[in-house]
Each structure stands twice: as structure tokens, then as C-alpha cells.
């Protein structure tokens, strides 16, 4: 499977596009200090350490769904900080 097809998987919509992954990583670099420590660590593990949601869930001892929700809330906060 090509990398571009992985990031353009229809199940994830634009959330997994390569451009969004890069943008979210840049937002984390710029505004990460404004997040809670847990949100920042979750995004760092995902975007900088390339851990999967399942691996992050195991690390935090929470469900994969909880990691996904944590990530989505943190990304929404970063985007809000960016627009302010």
C-alpha cells in the first residue's frame, strides 16, 4: 500500500491527509505548550514518535477510543489557538 493511499483513506476523510498530518505537527510545535500535559504527550507520541493509537492507549492505560477522543480534542484546541 502506498503511503499516499494510507493518508487518503476514505474512512478517515481529510483528517489523515498528509497535509493535515504535517499541519497538526506544526501546530503542536507552535502551540503545544498551551495544551494540558496529557494532551501534549498524546500528540507528541502520535505525531513525533509515530506511535499508533493502540500503542498510545496501552501507554496511558486507556482505550483506543479514549486516545482518539483525546487527540481530536487536542487538535481542536490547537486549531482554536491558531485562529485567535
C-alpha atoms as a PDB file:
ATOM      1  CA  UNK A   1       0.000   0.000   0.000  1.00  0.00           C
ATOM      2  CA  UNK A   2       1.378   3.395  -0.956  1.00  0.00           C
ATOM      3  CA  UNK A   3       1.911   5.988   1.749  1.00  0.00           C
ATOM      4  CA  UNK A   4      -0.375   8.441  -0.037  1.00  0.00           C
ATOM      5  CA  UNK A   5      -3.216   5.920  -0.107  1.00  0.00           C
ATOM      6  CA  UNK A   6      -2.778   5.321   3.624  1.00  0.00           C
ATOM      7  CA  UNK A   7      -3.155   9.010   4.378  1.00  0.00           C
ATOM      8  CA  UNK A   8      -6.040   9.426   1.938  1.00  0.00           C
ATOM      9  CA  UNK A   9      -8.079   6.501   3.266  1.00  0.00           C
ATOM     10  CA  UNK A  10     -11.781   7.357   2.884  1.00  0.00           C
ATOM     11  CA  UNK A  11     -12.545   6.048   6.388  1.00  0.00           C
ATOM     12  CA  UNK A  12     -10.620   8.947   7.867  1.00  0.00           C
ATOM     13  CA  UNK A  13     -11.518  11.675   5.385  1.00  0.00           C
ATOM     14  CA  UNK A  14      -9.221  14.667   5.368  1.00  0.00           C
ATOM     15  CA  UNK A  15      -8.128  14.043   8.957  1.00  0.00           C
ATOM     16  CA  UNK A  16      -5.447  11.629   7.760  1.00  0.00           C
ATOM     17  CA  UNK A  17      -4.307  13.538   4.672  1.00  0.00           C
ATOM     18  CA  UNK A  18      -0.576  14.065   4.586  1.00  0.00           C
ATOM     19  CA  UNK A  19      -1.129  17.832   4.578  1.00  0.00           C
ATOM     20  CA  UNK A  20      -3.225  17.648   7.759  1.00  0.00           C
ATOM     21  CA  UNK A  21      -0.703  15.409   9.485  1.00  0.00           C
ATOM     22  CA  UNK A  22       2.046  17.926   8.705  1.00  0.00           C
ATOM     23  CA  UNK A  23      -0.166  20.879   9.696  1.00  0.00           C
ATOM     24  CA  UNK A  24      -1.124  19.252  13.003  1.00  0.00           C
ATOM     25  CA  UNK A  25       2.519  18.527  13.756  1.00  0.00           C
ATOM     26  CA  UNK A  26       3.409  22.161  13.087  1.00  0.00           C
ATOM     27  CA  UNK A  27       0.542  23.366  15.293  1.00  0.00           C
ATOM     28  CA  UNK A  28       1.832  21.105  18.058  1.00  0.00           C
ATOM     29  CA  UNK A  29       5.307  22.598  17.711  1.00  0.00           C
ATOM     30  CA  UNK A  30       3.956  26.170  17.884  1.00  0.00           C
ATOM     31  CA  UNK A  31       1.132  25.894  20.414  1.00  0.00           C
ATOM     32  CA  UNK A  32       1.796  22.634  22.256  1.00  0.00           C
ATOM     33  CA  UNK A  33       2.667  24.401  25.492  1.00  0.00           C
ATOM     34  CA  UNK A  34      -0.928  25.662  25.679  1.00  0.00           C
ATOM     35  CA  UNK A  35      -2.291  22.115  25.890  1.00  0.00           C
ATOM     36  CA  UNK A  36      -2.629  20.040  29.023  1.00  0.00           C
ATOM     37  CA  UNK A  37       0.400  17.838  29.718  1.00  0.00           C
ATOM     38  CA  UNK A  38      -1.610  14.726  28.813  1.00  0.00           C
ATOM     39  CA  UNK A  39      -2.848  16.210  25.517  1.00  0.00           C
ATOM     40  CA  UNK A  40       0.657  17.373  24.631  1.00  0.00           C
ATOM     41  CA  UNK A  41       2.157  13.975  25.422  1.00  0.00           C
ATOM     42  CA  UNK A  42      -0.532  12.171  23.423  1.00  0.00           C
ATOM     43  CA  UNK A  43       0.075  14.313  20.341  1.00  0.00           C
ATOM     44  CA  UNK A  44       3.838  14.071  20.764  1.00  0.00           C
ATOM     45  CA  UNK A  45       3.630  10.287  20.843  1.00  0.00           C
ATOM     46  CA  UNK A  46       1.385  10.260  17.783  1.00  0.00           C
ATOM     47  CA  UNK A  47       2.991  12.910  15.555  1.00  0.00           C
ATOM     48  CA  UNK A  48       6.640  12.870  16.653  1.00  0.00           C
ATOM     49  CA  UNK A  49       7.185   9.322  17.910  1.00  0.00           C
ATOM     50  CA  UNK A  50       4.858   7.724  15.317  1.00  0.00           C
ATOM     51  CA  UNK A  51       3.056   5.512  17.825  1.00  0.00           C
ATOM     52  CA  UNK A  52      -0.321   4.101  16.853  1.00  0.00           C
ATOM     53  CA  UNK A  53      -3.492   4.868  18.777  1.00  0.00           C
ATOM     54  CA  UNK A  54      -3.366   1.343  20.189  1.00  0.00           C
ATOM     55  CA  UNK A  55       0.207   1.821  21.416  1.00  0.00           C
ATOM     56  CA  UNK A  56      -0.674   5.163  23.000  1.00  0.00           C
ATOM     57  CA  UNK A  57      -3.733   3.565  24.640  1.00  0.00           C
ATOM     58  CA  UNK A  58      -1.508   0.892  26.155  1.00  0.00           C
ATOM     59  CA  UNK A  59       0.937   3.557  27.365  1.00  0.00           C
ATOM     60  CA  UNK A  60      -1.821   5.597  29.066  1.00  0.00           C
ATOM     61  CA  UNK A  61      -3.798   2.506  30.177  1.00  0.00           C
ATOM     62  CA  UNK A  62      -6.941   3.754  28.436  1.00  0.00           C
ATOM     63  CA  UNK A  63      -8.982   2.571  25.468  1.00  0.00           C
ATOM     64  CA  UNK A  64      -8.040   3.293  21.873  1.00  0.00           C
ATOM     65  CA  UNK A  65     -11.287   5.267  21.554  1.00  0.00           C
ATOM     66  CA  UNK A  66     -10.301   7.421  24.532  1.00  0.00           C
ATOM     67  CA  UNK A  67      -6.964   8.167  22.853  1.00  0.00           C
ATOM     68  CA  UNK A  68      -8.769   9.121  19.655  1.00  0.00           C
ATOM     69  CA  UNK A  69     -11.061  11.480  21.578  1.00  0.00           C
ATOM     70  CA  UNK A  70      -8.099  12.965  23.450  1.00  0.00           C
ATOM     71  CA  UNK A  71      -6.299  13.538  20.159  1.00  0.00           C
ATOM     72  CA  UNK A  72      -9.342  15.115  18.487  1.00  0.00           C
ATOM     73  CA  UNK A  73      -9.932  17.481  21.416  1.00  0.00           C
ATOM     74  CA  UNK A  74      -6.267  18.463  21.486  1.00  0.00           C
ATOM     75  CA  UNK A  75      -6.193  19.129  17.727  1.00  0.00           C
ATOM     76  CA  UNK A  76      -9.393  21.207  18.036  1.00  0.00           C
ATOM     77  CA  UNK A  77      -7.743  23.227  20.819  1.00  0.00           C
ATOM     78  CA  UNK A  78      -4.607  23.777  18.723  1.00  0.00           C
ATOM     79  CA  UNK A  79      -6.682  24.973  15.795  1.00  0.00           C
ATOM     80  CA  UNK A  80      -8.596  27.297  18.082  1.00  0.00           C
ATOM     81  CA  UNK A  81      -5.346  28.743  19.454  1.00  0.00           C
ATOM     82  CA  UNK A  82      -4.142  29.225  15.883  1.00  0.00           C
ATOM     83  CA  UNK A  83      -7.244  31.225  14.936  1.00  0.00           C
ATOM     84  CA  UNK A  84      -7.088  33.524  17.975  1.00  0.00           C
END
